Amino acid sequence: MGKWFKLSRRGFTLVELIIVVIVIGILATVAVPQYLKATERAKGGKARSAMALIAQGEKLYRAERDTYINVPSDTSNTVLGSYVELADVDADADWNYAVSGASASAFTVTATRVGGANNGETLTLNQNGVWAGTFTP
């Protein structure tokens, strides 16, 4: 009777390995899209933070010169860099930033997504702090 219960196994069976691969595949199918959405949301937060800095620089510029200023794409540090630190904004590889429609009373900061699943989508912020755009992570 002892020899019937004396089982020794030296590894996994093919069925066990297939089950493990299937479980990992299911987990990856759920996890990867969620990870990609989370990274896009984080990049959107980074853009909003940068745009708020640019808007702050615009307001400081206006306090000194009584007008807002247009800022061509990715040159915000050159134009507004003496008011706020924008070196990281201009070095951002995920977004292009520009200020348009500047006058004595208005401006619009626009961030355009470069690459990724949301390539070409935009976020905007005006002088009143109103957010808009097509970016939907």
C-alpha atoms as a PDB file:
ATOM      1  CA  MET A   1       0.000   0.000   0.000  1.00  0.00           C
ATOM      2  CA  GLY A   2       2.919   2.364   0.614  1.00  0.00           C
ATOM      3  CA  LYS A   3       4.042   2.331  -2.960  1.00  0.00           C
ATOM      4  CA  TRP A   4       0.685   3.614  -4.222  1.00  0.00           C
ATOM      5  CA  PHE A   5       0.877   6.765  -2.130  1.00  0.00           C
ATOM      6  CA  LYS A   6       4.512   7.465  -2.749  1.00  0.00           C
ATOM      7  CA  LEU A   7       4.287   9.980  -5.573  1.00  0.00           C
ATOM      8  CA  SER A   8       7.231  12.038  -6.647  1.00  0.00           C
ATOM      9  CA  ARG A   9       6.913  14.886  -9.114  1.00  0.00           C
ATOM     10  CA  ARG A  10       9.783  16.511 -10.902  1.00  0.00           C
ATOM     11  CA  GLY A  11       8.152  19.557 -12.501  1.00  0.00           C
ATOM     12  CA  PHE A  12       4.963  20.919 -13.881  1.00  0.00           C
ATOM     13  CA  THR A  13       2.646  19.217 -16.277  1.00  0.00           C
ATOM     14  CA  LEU A  14       1.792  20.771 -19.622  1.00  0.00           C
ATOM     15  CA  VAL A  15      -1.757  21.512 -18.435  1.00  0.00           C
ATOM     16  CA  GLU A  16      -0.464  23.421 -15.402  1.00  0.00           C
ATOM     17  CA  LEU A  17       1.854  25.493 -17.583  1.00  0.00           C
ATOM     18  CA  ILE A  18      -0.922  26.288 -20.053  1.00  0.00           C
ATOM     19  CA  ILE A  19      -3.200  27.417 -17.212  1.00  0.00           C
ATOM     20  CA  VAL A  20      -0.480  29.718 -15.850  1.00  0.00           C
ATOM     21  CA  VAL A  21       0.099  31.236 -19.309  1.00  0.00           C
ATOM     22  CA  ILE A  22      -3.636  31.809 -19.763  1.00  0.00           C
ATOM     23  CA  VAL A  23      -3.942  33.506 -16.356  1.00  0.00           C
ATOM     24  CA  ILE A  24      -0.959  35.759 -17.108  1.00  0.00           C
ATOM     25  CA  GLY A  25      -2.471  36.608 -20.499  1.00  0.00           C
ATOM     26  CA  ILE A  26      -5.775  37.599 -18.900  1.00  0.00           C
ATOM     27  CA  LEU A  27      -4.024  39.770 -16.324  1.00  0.00           C
ATOM     28  CA  ALA A  28      -1.932  41.456 -19.014  1.00  0.00           C
ATOM     29  CA  THR A  29      -5.028  42.101 -21.126  1.00  0.00           C
ATOM     30  CA  VAL A  30      -6.570  44.004 -18.227  1.00  0.00           C
ATOM     31  CA  ALA A  31      -3.447  45.678 -16.842  1.00  0.00           C
ATOM     32  CA  VAL A  32      -1.772  47.089 -19.965  1.00  0.00           C
ATOM     33  CA  PRO A  33      -4.659  49.336 -21.114  1.00  0.00           C
ATOM     34  CA  GLN A  34      -5.112  50.621 -17.567  1.00  0.00           C
ATOM     35  CA  TYR A  35      -1.407  51.399 -17.360  1.00  0.00           C
ATOM     36  CA  LEU A  36      -1.504  53.292 -20.664  1.00  0.00           C
ATOM     37  CA  LYS A  37      -4.522  55.334 -19.520  1.00  0.00           C
ATOM     38  CA  ALA A  38      -2.790  56.142 -16.237  1.00  0.00           C
ATOM     39  CA  THR A  39       0.346  57.368 -18.012  1.00  0.00           C
ATOM     40  CA  GLU A  40      -1.741  59.567 -20.354  1.00  0.00           C
ATOM     41  CA  ARG A  41      -3.607  61.039 -17.368  1.00  0.00           C
ATOM     42  CA  ALA A  42      -0.262  61.780 -15.701  1.00  0.00           C
ATOM     43  CA  LYS A  43       0.995  63.495 -18.854  1.00  0.00           C
ATOM     44  CA  GLY A  44      -2.192  65.562 -18.903  1.00  0.00           C
ATOM     45  CA  GLY A  45      -1.513  66.627 -15.324  1.00  0.00           C
ATOM     46  CA  LYS A  46       2.011  67.598 -16.290  1.00  0.00           C
ATOM     47  CA  ALA A  47       0.629  69.744 -19.125  1.00  0.00           C
ATOM     48  CA  ARG A  48      -1.882  71.457 -16.836  1.00  0.00           C
ATOM     49  CA  SER A  49       0.875  72.289 -14.379  1.00  0.00           C
ATOM     50  CA  ALA A  50       3.087  73.714 -17.136  1.00  0.00           C
ATOM     51  CA  MET A  51       0.207  75.730 -18.562  1.00  0.00           C
ATOM     52  CA  ALA A  52      -0.544  77.209 -15.133  1.00  0.00           C
ATOM     53  CA  LEU A  53       3.113  78.305 -14.901  1.00  0.00           C
ATOM     54  CA  ILE A  54       2.942  79.914 -18.337  1.00  0.00           C
ATOM     55  CA  ALA A  55      -0.287  81.708 -17.362  1.00  0.00           C
ATOM     56  CA  GLN A  56       1.390  82.945 -14.184  1.00  0.00           C
ATOM     57  CA  GLY A  57       4.278  84.282 -16.262  1.00  0.00           C
ATOM     58  CA  GLU A  58       1.808  86.025 -18.577  1.00  0.00           C
ATOM     59  CA  LYS A  59       0.120  87.718 -15.634  1.00  0.00           C
ATOM     60  CA  LEU A  60       3.453  88.871 -14.232  1.00  0.00           C
ATOM     61  CA  TYR A  61       4.441  90.156 -17.685  1.00  0.00           C
ATOM     62  CA  ARG A  62       1.166  92.091 -17.899  1.00  0.00           C
ATOM     63  CA  ALA A  63       1.634  93.582 -14.432  1.00  0.00           C
ATOM     64  CA  GLU A  64       4.914  95.053 -15.642  1.00  0.00           C
ATOM     65  CA  ARG A  65       3.988  96.021 -19.234  1.00  0.00           C
ATOM     66  CA  ASP A  66       0.161  96.420 -19.255  1.00  0.00           C
ATOM     67  CA  THR A  67      -0.326  93.784 -21.960  1.00  0.00           C
ATOM     68  CA  TYR A  68      -0.059  90.057 -22.490  1.00  0.00           C
ATOM     69  CA  ILE A  69       2.389  88.634 -25.042  1.00  0.00           C
ATOM     70  CA  ASN A  70       2.067  85.946 -27.722  1.00  0.00           C
ATOM     71  CA  VAL A  71       4.579  83.138 -27.208  1.00  0.00           C
ATOM     72  CA  PRO A  72       5.443  80.923 -30.184  1.00  0.00           C
ATOM     73  CA  SER A  73       5.501  77.177 -29.664  1.00  0.00           C
ATOM     74  CA  ASP A  74       8.121  75.979 -27.154  1.00  0.00           C
ATOM     75  CA  THR A  75       9.803  79.356 -26.619  1.00  0.00           C
ATOM     76  CA  SER A  76       8.058  80.229 -23.355  1.00  0.00           C
ATOM     77  CA  ASN A  77      11.294  80.197 -21.354  1.00  0.00           C
ATOM     78  CA  THR A  78      12.876  82.708 -23.717  1.00  0.00           C
ATOM     79  CA  VAL A  79       9.948  85.115 -23.477  1.00  0.00           C
ATOM     80  CA  LEU A  80       8.608  84.560 -19.948  1.00  0.00           C
ATOM     81  CA  GLY A  81      11.645  82.966 -18.295  1.00  0.00           C
ATOM     82  CA  SER A  82      12.512  86.067 -16.302  1.00  0.00           C
ATOM     83  CA  TYR A  83       9.151  85.836 -14.516  1.00  0.00           C
ATOM     84  CA  VAL A  84       8.816  82.115 -13.778  1.00  0.00           C
ATOM     85  CA  GLU A  85      11.078  79.066 -14.231  1.00  0.00           C
ATOM     86  CA  LEU A  86      10.035  77.426 -17.496  1.00  0.00           C
ATOM     87  CA  ALA A  87      13.119  75.454 -18.594  1.00  0.00           C
ATOM     88  CA  ASP A  88      11.323  72.132 -17.967  1.00  0.00           C
ATOM     89  CA  VAL A  89       8.299  73.343 -19.923  1.00  0.00           C
ATOM     90  CA  ASP A  90      10.322  74.037 -23.065  1.00  0.00           C
ATOM     91  CA  ALA A  91      12.134  70.689 -22.699  1.00  0.00           C
ATOM     92  CA  ASP A  92       8.860  68.725 -22.490  1.00  0.00           C
ATOM     93  CA  ALA A  93       8.880  66.046 -25.204  1.00  0.00           C
ATOM     94  CA  ASP A  94       5.206  65.114 -24.699  1.00  0.00           C
ATOM     95  CA  TRP A  95       3.605  68.517 -25.300  1.00  0.00           C
ATOM     96  CA  ASN A  96       4.109  71.688 -27.349  1.00  0.00           C
ATOM     97  CA  TYR A  97       3.054  74.896 -25.591  1.00  0.00           C
ATOM     98  CA  ALA A  98       2.141  78.250 -27.125  1.00  0.00           C
ATOM     99  CA  VAL A  99       0.354  81.451 -26.126  1.00  0.00           C
ATOM    100  CA  SER A 100      -1.923  83.044 -28.693  1.00  0.00           C
ATOM    101  CA  GLY A 101      -4.559  85.745 -28.899  1.00  0.00           C
ATOM    102  CA  ALA A 102      -2.609  87.945 -26.512  1.00  0.00           C
ATOM    103  CA  SER A 103      -3.823  91.507 -26.062  1.00  0.00           C
ATOM    104  CA  ALA A 104      -4.070  93.986 -23.213  1.00  0.00           C
ATOM    105  CA  SER A 105      -6.878  91.953 -21.660  1.00  0.00           C
ATOM    106  CA  ALA A 106      -6.739  88.353 -22.907  1.00  0.00           C
ATOM    107  CA  PHE A 107      -4.540  85.372 -23.771  1.00  0.00           C
ATOM    108  CA  THR A 108      -4.929  81.652 -24.417  1.00  0.00           C
ATOM    109  CA  VAL A 109      -2.297  79.048 -23.517  1.00  0.00           C
ATOM    110  CA  THR A 110      -2.512  75.965 -25.733  1.00  0.00           C
ATOM    111  CA  ALA A 111      -0.793  72.622 -25.156  1.00  0.00           C
ATOM    112  CA  THR A 112      -0.766  70.162 -28.053  1.00  0.00           C
ATOM    113  CA  ARG A 113      -0.018  66.482 -27.346  1.00  0.00           C
ATOM    114  CA  VAL A 114       2.937  65.101 -29.297  1.00  0.00           C
ATOM    115  CA  GLY A 115       2.928  61.326 -29.799  1.00  0.00           C
ATOM    116  CA  GLY A 116       1.117  58.675 -27.838  1.00  0.00           C
ATOM    117  CA  ALA A 117      -2.481  57.605 -28.121  1.00  0.00           C
ATOM    118  CA  ASN A 118      -3.711  61.209 -27.846  1.00  0.00           C
ATOM    119  CA  ASN A 119      -1.409  62.701 -30.493  1.00  0.00           C
ATOM    120  CA  GLY A 120      -2.667  66.075 -31.730  1.00  0.00           C
ATOM    121  CA  GLU A 121      -5.201  66.595 -28.965  1.00  0.00           C
ATOM    122  CA  THR A 122      -5.107  69.925 -27.130  1.00  0.00           C
ATOM    123  CA  LEU A 123      -5.650  71.575 -23.779  1.00  0.00           C
ATOM    124  CA  THR A 124      -6.334  75.303 -23.477  1.00  0.00           C
ATOM    125  CA  LEU A 125      -6.290  77.766 -20.601  1.00  0.00           C
ATOM    126  CA  ASN A 126      -7.335  81.409 -20.832  1.00  0.00           C
ATOM    127  CA  GLN A 127      -6.617  84.458 -18.677  1.00  0.00           C
ATOM    128  CA  ASN A 128      -9.702  83.745 -16.538  1.00  0.00           C
ATOM    129  CA  GLY A 129      -8.530  80.228 -15.635  1.00  0.00           C
ATOM    130  CA  VAL A 130     -11.050  78.472 -17.899  1.00  0.00           C
ATOM    131  CA  TRP A 131      -9.856  75.070 -19.138  1.00  0.00           C
ATOM    132  CA  ALA A 132     -10.963  73.530 -22.435  1.00  0.00           C
ATOM    133  CA  GLY A 133      -9.629  71.330 -25.217  1.00  0.00           C
ATOM    134  CA  THR A 134      -9.928  67.935 -26.822  1.00  0.00           C
ATOM    135  CA  PHE A 135      -7.515  65.963 -24.608  1.00  0.00           C
ATOM    136  CA  THR A 136      -9.353  62.956 -23.141  1.00  0.00           C
ATOM    137  CA  PRO A 137      -7.050  60.340 -21.657  1.00  0.00           C
END
